[in-house]
Amino acid sequence: MDTQQAKMDAQQAMWTHIKLRWTHSKLKWTLSKLIQTRSKLRWTLSKLIQIRSKLRWTHSKLIPERT
């Protein structure tokens, strides 16, 4: 392998490494956003469950069960 080819290979390896680092950084950012979203969704779900529970309770007080 000649010197010119070795230089080109080294540049290609360096460029690939830079792209991989950028991709890794982007993936870490995306993962953190997904974790935040999951947390917000869990919070929202818990609030909806509380509302449903209150609505059921209110409904039971307004409309007594038929026997």
PDB file of N, CA and C in Angstrom:
ATOM      1  N   MET A   1       0.851  -1.188   0.000  1.00  0.00           N
ATOM      2  CA  MET A   1       0.000   0.000   0.000  1.00  0.00           C
ATOM      3  C   MET A   1       0.889   1.241   0.000  1.00  0.00           C
ATOM      4  N   ASP A   2       0.596   2.144  -0.880  1.00  0.00           N
ATOM      5  CA  ASP A   2       1.438   3.346  -0.950  1.00  0.00           C
ATOM      6  C   ASP A   2       1.006   4.375   0.094  1.00  0.00           C
ATOM      7  N   THR A   3       1.834   5.400   0.245  1.00  0.00           N
ATOM      8  CA  THR A   3       1.610   6.420   1.264  1.00  0.00           C
ATOM      9  C   THR A   3       0.318   7.194   1.022  1.00  0.00           C
ATOM     10  N   GLN A   4       0.048   7.498  -0.252  1.00  0.00           N
ATOM     11  CA  GLN A   4      -1.176   8.240  -0.589  1.00  0.00           C
ATOM     12  C   GLN A   4      -2.426   7.456  -0.167  1.00  0.00           C
ATOM     13  N   GLN A   5      -2.419   6.163  -0.443  1.00  0.00           N
ATOM     14  CA  GLN A   5      -3.555   5.308  -0.067  1.00  0.00           C
ATOM     15  C   GLN A   5      -3.714   5.258   1.448  1.00  0.00           C
ATOM     16  N   ALA A   6      -2.589   5.172   2.158  1.00  0.00           N
ATOM     17  CA  ALA A   6      -2.616   5.127   3.621  1.00  0.00           C
ATOM     18  C   ALA A   6      -3.212   6.422   4.177  1.00  0.00           C
ATOM     19  N   LYS A   7      -2.861   7.560   3.586  1.00  0.00           N
ATOM     20  CA  LYS A   7      -3.402   8.854   4.021  1.00  0.00           C
ATOM     21  C   LYS A   7      -4.916   8.908   3.783  1.00  0.00           C
ATOM     22  N   MET A   8      -5.342   8.423   2.617  1.00  0.00           N
ATOM     23  CA  MET A   8      -6.771   8.422   2.297  1.00  0.00           C
ATOM     24  C   MET A   8      -7.543   7.521   3.255  1.00  0.00           C
ATOM     25  N   ASP A   9      -6.982   6.361   3.547  1.00  0.00           N
ATOM     26  CA  ASP A   9      -7.617   5.438   4.482  1.00  0.00           C
ATOM     27  C   ASP A   9      -7.713   6.049   5.878  1.00  0.00           C
ATOM     28  N   ALA A  10      -6.667   6.748   6.296  1.00  0.00           N
ATOM     29  CA  ALA A  10      -6.654   7.393   7.616  1.00  0.00           C
ATOM     30  C   ALA A  10      -7.710   8.494   7.677  1.00  0.00           C
ATOM     31  N   GLN A  11      -7.828   9.271   6.588  1.00  0.00           N
ATOM     32  CA  GLN A  11      -8.842  10.328   6.547  1.00  0.00           C
ATOM     33  C   GLN A  11     -10.245   9.726   6.594  1.00  0.00           C
ATOM     34  N   GLN A  12     -10.439   8.653   5.851  1.00  0.00           N
ATOM     35  CA  GLN A  12     -11.750   7.989   5.830  1.00  0.00           C
ATOM     36  C   GLN A  12     -12.096   7.451   7.218  1.00  0.00           C
ATOM     37  N   ALA A  13     -11.110   6.855   7.879  1.00  0.00           N
ATOM     38  CA  ALA A  13     -11.336   6.313   9.224  1.00  0.00           C
ATOM     39  C   ALA A  13     -11.673   7.439  10.200  1.00  0.00           C
ATOM     40  N   MET A  14     -10.976   8.567  10.079  1.00  0.00           N
ATOM     41  CA  MET A  14     -11.226   9.698  10.961  1.00  0.00           C
ATOM     42  C   MET A  14     -12.633  10.255  10.720  1.00  0.00           C
ATOM     43  N   TRP A  15     -13.029  10.389   9.457  1.00  0.00           N
ATOM     44  CA  TRP A  15     -14.350  10.906   9.112  1.00  0.00           C
ATOM     45  C   TRP A  15     -15.448   9.967   9.628  1.00  0.00           C
ATOM     46  N   THR A  16     -15.229   8.671   9.469  1.00  0.00           N
ATOM     47  CA  THR A  16     -16.194   7.677   9.961  1.00  0.00           C
ATOM     48  C   THR A  16     -16.325   7.780  11.480  1.00  0.00           C
ATOM     49  N   HIS A  17     -15.207   7.947  12.163  1.00  0.00           N
ATOM     50  CA  HIS A  17     -15.204   8.083  13.615  1.00  0.00           C
ATOM     51  C   HIS A  17     -15.994   9.326  14.034  1.00  0.00           C
ATOM     52  N   ILE A  18     -15.798  10.437  13.347  1.00  0.00           N
ATOM     53  CA  ILE A  18     -16.530  11.676  13.655  1.00  0.00           C
ATOM     54  C   ILE A  18     -18.038  11.468  13.467  1.00  0.00           C
ATOM     55  N   LYS A  19     -18.413  10.822  12.367  1.00  0.00           N
ATOM     56  CA  LYS A  19     -19.838  10.567  12.111  1.00  0.00           C
ATOM     57  C   LYS A  19     -20.435   9.651  13.184  1.00  0.00           C
ATOM     58  N   LEU A  20     -19.669   8.644  13.590  1.00  0.00           N
ATOM     59  CA  LEU A  20     -20.144   7.739  14.637  1.00  0.00           C
ATOM     60  C   LEU A  20     -20.329   8.472  15.962  1.00  0.00           C
ATOM     61  N   ARG A  21     -19.407   9.354  16.297  1.00  0.00           N
ATOM     62  CA  ARG A  21     -19.532  10.133  17.538  1.00  0.00           C
ATOM     63  C   ARG A  21     -20.760  11.030  17.491  1.00  0.00           C
ATOM     64  N   TRP A  22     -20.998  11.665  16.331  1.00  0.00           N
ATOM     65  CA  TRP A  22     -22.165  12.526  16.176  1.00  0.00           C
ATOM     66  C   TRP A  22     -23.449  11.700  16.317  1.00  0.00           C
ATOM     67  N   THR A  23     -23.476  10.542  15.660  1.00  0.00           N
ATOM     68  CA  THR A  23     -24.653   9.665  15.719  1.00  0.00           C
ATOM     69  C   THR A  23     -24.897   9.205  17.150  1.00  0.00           C
ATOM     70  N   HIS A  24     -23.843   8.855  17.846  1.00  0.00           N
ATOM     71  CA  HIS A  24     -23.961   8.421  19.240  1.00  0.00           C
ATOM     72  C   HIS A  24     -24.541   9.538  20.104  1.00  0.00           C
ATOM     73  N   SER A  25     -24.048  10.744  19.899  1.00  0.00           N
ATOM     74  CA  SER A  25     -24.545  11.896  20.640  1.00  0.00           C
ATOM     75  C   SER A  25     -26.030  12.132  20.360  1.00  0.00           C
ATOM     76  N   LYS A  26     -26.401  12.044  19.094  1.00  0.00           N
ATOM     77  CA  LYS A  26     -27.801  12.228  18.700  1.00  0.00           C
ATOM     78  C   LYS A  26     -28.690  11.142  19.319  1.00  0.00           C
ATOM     79  N   LEU A  27     -28.217   9.914  19.333  1.00  0.00           N
ATOM     80  CA  LEU A  27     -28.974   8.813  19.941  1.00  0.00           C
ATOM     81  C   LEU A  27     -29.157   9.022  21.443  1.00  0.00           C
ATOM     82  N   LYS A  28     -28.117   9.497  22.117  1.00  0.00           N
ATOM     83  CA  LYS A  28     -28.224   9.771  23.551  1.00  0.00           C
ATOM     84  C   LYS A  28     -29.262  10.857  23.806  1.00  0.00           C
ATOM     85  N   TRP A  29     -29.258  11.896  22.983  1.00  0.00           N
ATOM     86  CA  TRP A  29     -30.234  12.988  23.110  1.00  0.00           C
ATOM     87  C   TRP A  29     -31.649  12.458  22.888  1.00  0.00           C
ATOM     88  N   THR A  30     -31.809  11.651  21.843  1.00  0.00           N
ATOM     89  CA  THR A  30     -33.125  11.088  21.522  1.00  0.00           C
ATOM     90  C   THR A  30     -33.620  10.204  22.662  1.00  0.00           C
ATOM     91  N   LEU A  31     -32.741   9.399  23.213  1.00  0.00           N
ATOM     92  CA  LEU A  31     -33.115   8.537  24.334  1.00  0.00           C
ATOM     93  C   LEU A  31     -33.565   9.365  25.529  1.00  0.00           C
ATOM     94  N   SER A  32     -32.862  10.442  25.823  1.00  0.00           N
ATOM     95  CA  SER A  32     -33.259  11.278  26.960  1.00  0.00           C
ATOM     96  C   SER A  32     -34.631  11.905  26.717  1.00  0.00           C
ATOM     97  N   LYS A  33     -34.913  12.301  25.481  1.00  0.00           N
ATOM     98  CA  LYS A  33     -36.238  12.857  25.155  1.00  0.00           C
ATOM     99  C   LYS A  33     -37.316  11.783  25.293  1.00  0.00           C
ATOM    100  N   LEU A  34     -37.029  10.576  24.861  1.00  0.00           N
ATOM    101  CA  LEU A  34     -37.993   9.475  24.994  1.00  0.00           C
ATOM    102  C   LEU A  34     -38.293   9.180  26.465  1.00  0.00           C
ATOM    103  N   ILE A  35     -37.262   9.223  27.295  1.00  0.00           N
ATOM    104  CA  ILE A  35     -37.443   8.980  28.728  1.00  0.00           C
ATOM    105  C   ILE A  35     -38.301  10.078  29.344  1.00  0.00           C
ATOM    106  N   GLN A  36     -38.054  11.340  28.936  1.00  0.00           N
ATOM    107  CA  GLN A  36     -38.876  12.454  29.423  1.00  0.00           C
ATOM    108  C   GLN A  36     -40.331  12.274  29.003  1.00  0.00           C
ATOM    109  N   THR A  37     -40.537  11.881  27.753  1.00  0.00           N
ATOM    110  CA  THR A  37     -41.889  11.688  27.228  1.00  0.00           C
ATOM    111  C   THR A  37     -42.600  10.569  27.978  1.00  0.00           C
ATOM    112  N   ARG A  38     -41.882   9.480  28.220  1.00  0.00           N
ATOM    113  CA  ARG A  38     -42.459   8.366  28.972  1.00  0.00           C
ATOM    114  C   ARG A  38     -42.896   8.824  30.364  1.00  0.00           C
ATOM    115  N   SER A  39     -42.060   9.629  31.000  1.00  0.00           N
ATOM    116  CA  SER A  39     -42.381  10.141  32.329  1.00  0.00           C
ATOM    117  C   SER A  39     -43.646  11.009  32.290  1.00  0.00           C
ATOM    118  N   LYS A  40     -43.734  11.886  31.289  1.00  0.00           N
ATOM    119  CA  LYS A  40     -44.923  12.739  31.154  1.00  0.00           C
ATOM    120  C   LYS A  40     -46.172  11.906  30.875  1.00  0.00           C
ATOM    121  N   LEU A  41     -46.028  10.891  30.039  1.00  0.00           N
ATOM    122  CA  LEU A  41     -47.172  10.026  29.733  1.00  0.00           C
ATOM    123  C   LEU A  41     -47.647   9.271  30.968  1.00  0.00           C
ATOM    124  N   ARG A  42     -46.713   8.799  31.759  1.00  0.00           N
ATOM    125  CA  ARG A  42     -47.080   8.094  32.995  1.00  0.00           C
ATOM    126  C   ARG A  42     -47.820   9.029  33.939  1.00  0.00           C
ATOM    127  N   TRP A  43     -47.330  10.273  34.052  1.00  0.00           N
ATOM    128  CA  TRP A  43     -47.978  11.257  34.915  1.00  0.00           C
ATOM    129  C   TRP A  43     -49.397  11.528  34.411  1.00  0.00           C
ATOM    130  N   THR A  44     -49.536  11.735  33.098  1.00  0.00           N
ATOM    131  CA  THR A  44     -50.849  11.994  32.500  1.00  0.00           C
ATOM    132  C   THR A  44     -51.792  10.822  32.726  1.00  0.00           C
ATOM    133  N   LEU A  45     -51.291   9.609  32.541  1.00  0.00           N
ATOM    134  CA  LEU A  45     -52.119   8.425  32.773  1.00  0.00           C
ATOM    135  C   LEU A  45     -52.600   8.367  34.214  1.00  0.00           C
ATOM    136  N   SER A  46     -51.734   8.659  35.161  1.00  0.00           N
ATOM    137  CA  SER A  46     -52.143   8.624  36.572  1.00  0.00           C
ATOM    138  C   SER A  46     -53.222   9.673  36.846  1.00  0.00           C
ATOM    139  N   LYS A  47     -53.106  10.849  36.219  1.00  0.00           N
ATOM    140  CA  LYS A  47     -54.132  11.883  36.390  1.00  0.00           C
ATOM    141  C   LYS A  47     -55.461  11.433  35.777  1.00  0.00           C
ATOM    142  N   LEU A  48     -55.405  10.824  34.616  1.00  0.00           N
ATOM    143  CA  LEU A  48     -56.631  10.331  33.974  1.00  0.00           C
ATOM    144  C   LEU A  48     -57.312   9.254  34.817  1.00  0.00           C
ATOM    145  N   ILE A  49     -56.520   8.402  35.428  1.00  0.00           N
ATOM    146  CA  ILE A  49     -57.068   7.355  36.292  1.00  0.00           C
ATOM    147  C   ILE A  49     -57.744   7.987  37.508  1.00  0.00           C
ATOM    148  N   GLN A  50     -57.126   9.035  38.057  1.00  0.00           N
ATOM    149  CA  GLN A  50     -57.744   9.739  39.189  1.00  0.00           C
ATOM    150  C   GLN A  50     -59.076  10.364  38.785  1.00  0.00           C
ATOM    151  N   ILE A  51     -59.102  10.996  37.608  1.00  0.00           N
ATOM    152  CA  ILE A  51     -60.335  11.618  37.109  1.00  0.00           C
ATOM    153  C   ILE A  51     -61.417  10.564  36.901  1.00  0.00           C
ATOM    154  N   ARG A  52     -61.054   9.449  36.302  1.00  0.00           N
ATOM    155  CA  ARG A  52     -62.018   8.372  36.089  1.00  0.00           C
ATOM    156  C   ARG A  52     -62.595   7.894  37.425  1.00  0.00           C
ATOM    157  N   SER A  53     -61.742   7.752  38.412  1.00  0.00           N
ATOM    158  CA  SER A  53     -62.181   7.310  39.728  1.00  0.00           C
ATOM    159  C   SER A  53     -63.171   8.316  40.329  1.00  0.00           C
ATOM    160  N   LYS A  54     -62.854   9.605  40.219  1.00  0.00           N
ATOM    161  CA  LYS A  54     -63.754  10.642  40.742  1.00  0.00           C
ATOM    162  C   LYS A  54     -65.074  10.653  39.991  1.00  0.00           C
ATOM    163  N   LEU A  55     -65.015  10.477  38.689  1.00  0.00           N
ATOM    164  CA  LEU A  55     -66.239  10.446  37.890  1.00  0.00           C
ATOM    165  C   LEU A  55     -67.116   9.255  38.271  1.00  0.00           C
ATOM    166  N   ARG A  56     -66.503   8.110  38.474  1.00  0.00           N
ATOM    167  CA  ARG A  56     -67.266   6.928  38.889  1.00  0.00           C
ATOM    168  C   ARG A  56     -67.922   7.152  40.251  1.00  0.00           C
ATOM    169  N   TRP A  57     -67.156   7.749  41.161  1.00  0.00           N
ATOM    170  CA  TRP A  57     -67.695   8.028  42.486  1.00  0.00           C
ATOM    171  C   TRP A  57     -68.869   8.991  42.377  1.00  0.00           C
ATOM    172  N   THR A  58     -68.709  10.072  41.617  1.00  0.00           N
ATOM    173  CA  THR A  58     -69.773  11.061  41.431  1.00  0.00           C
ATOM    174  C   THR A  58     -70.991  10.418  40.783  1.00  0.00           C
ATOM    175  N   HIS A  59     -70.753   9.616  39.794  1.00  0.00           N
ATOM    176  CA  HIS A  59     -71.847   8.929  39.109  1.00  0.00           C
ATOM    177  C   HIS A  59     -72.620   8.036  40.080  1.00  0.00           C
ATOM    178  N   SER A  60     -71.888   7.335  40.929  1.00  0.00           N
ATOM    179  CA  SER A  60     -72.543   6.434  41.890  1.00  0.00           C
ATOM    180  C   SER A  60     -73.387   7.220  42.900  1.00  0.00           C
ATOM    181  N   LYS A  61     -72.985   8.440  43.209  1.00  0.00           N
ATOM    182  CA  LYS A  61     -73.754   9.264  44.150  1.00  0.00           C
ATOM    183  C   LYS A  61     -74.979   9.873  43.468  1.00  0.00           C
ATOM    184  N   LEU A  62     -74.842  10.211  42.206  1.00  0.00           N
ATOM    185  CA  LEU A  62     -75.950  10.837  41.478  1.00  0.00           C
ATOM    186  C   LEU A  62     -77.008   9.828  41.072  1.00  0.00           C
ATOM    187  N   ILE A  63     -76.556   8.659  40.662  1.00  0.00           N
ATOM    188  CA  ILE A  63     -77.481   7.633  40.178  1.00  0.00           C
ATOM    189  C   ILE A  63     -77.319   6.396  41.047  1.00  0.00           C
ATOM    190  N   PRO A  64     -78.199   6.265  42.014  1.00  0.00           N
ATOM    191  CA  PRO A  64     -78.078   5.079  42.879  1.00  0.00           C
ATOM    192  C   PRO A  64     -78.333   3.799  42.071  1.00  0.00           C
ATOM    193  N   GLU A  65     -77.655   2.764  42.453  1.00  0.00           N
ATOM    194  CA  GLU A  65     -77.810   1.494  41.731  1.00  0.00           C
ATOM    195  C   GLU A  65     -79.206   0.948  41.922  1.00  0.00           C
ATOM    196  N   ARG A  66     -79.746   0.398  40.847  1.00  0.00           N
ATOM    197  CA  ARG A  66     -81.065  -0.235  40.920  1.00  0.00           C
ATOM    198  C   ARG A  66     -80.916  -1.623  41.540  1.00  0.00           C
ATOM    199  N   THR A  67     -81.867  -1.959  42.361  1.00  0.00           N
ATOM    200  CA  THR A  67     -81.813  -3.286  42.970  1.00  0.00           C
ATOM    201  C   THR A  67     -82.996  -4.128  42.531  1.00  0.00           C
TER     202      THR A  67
END
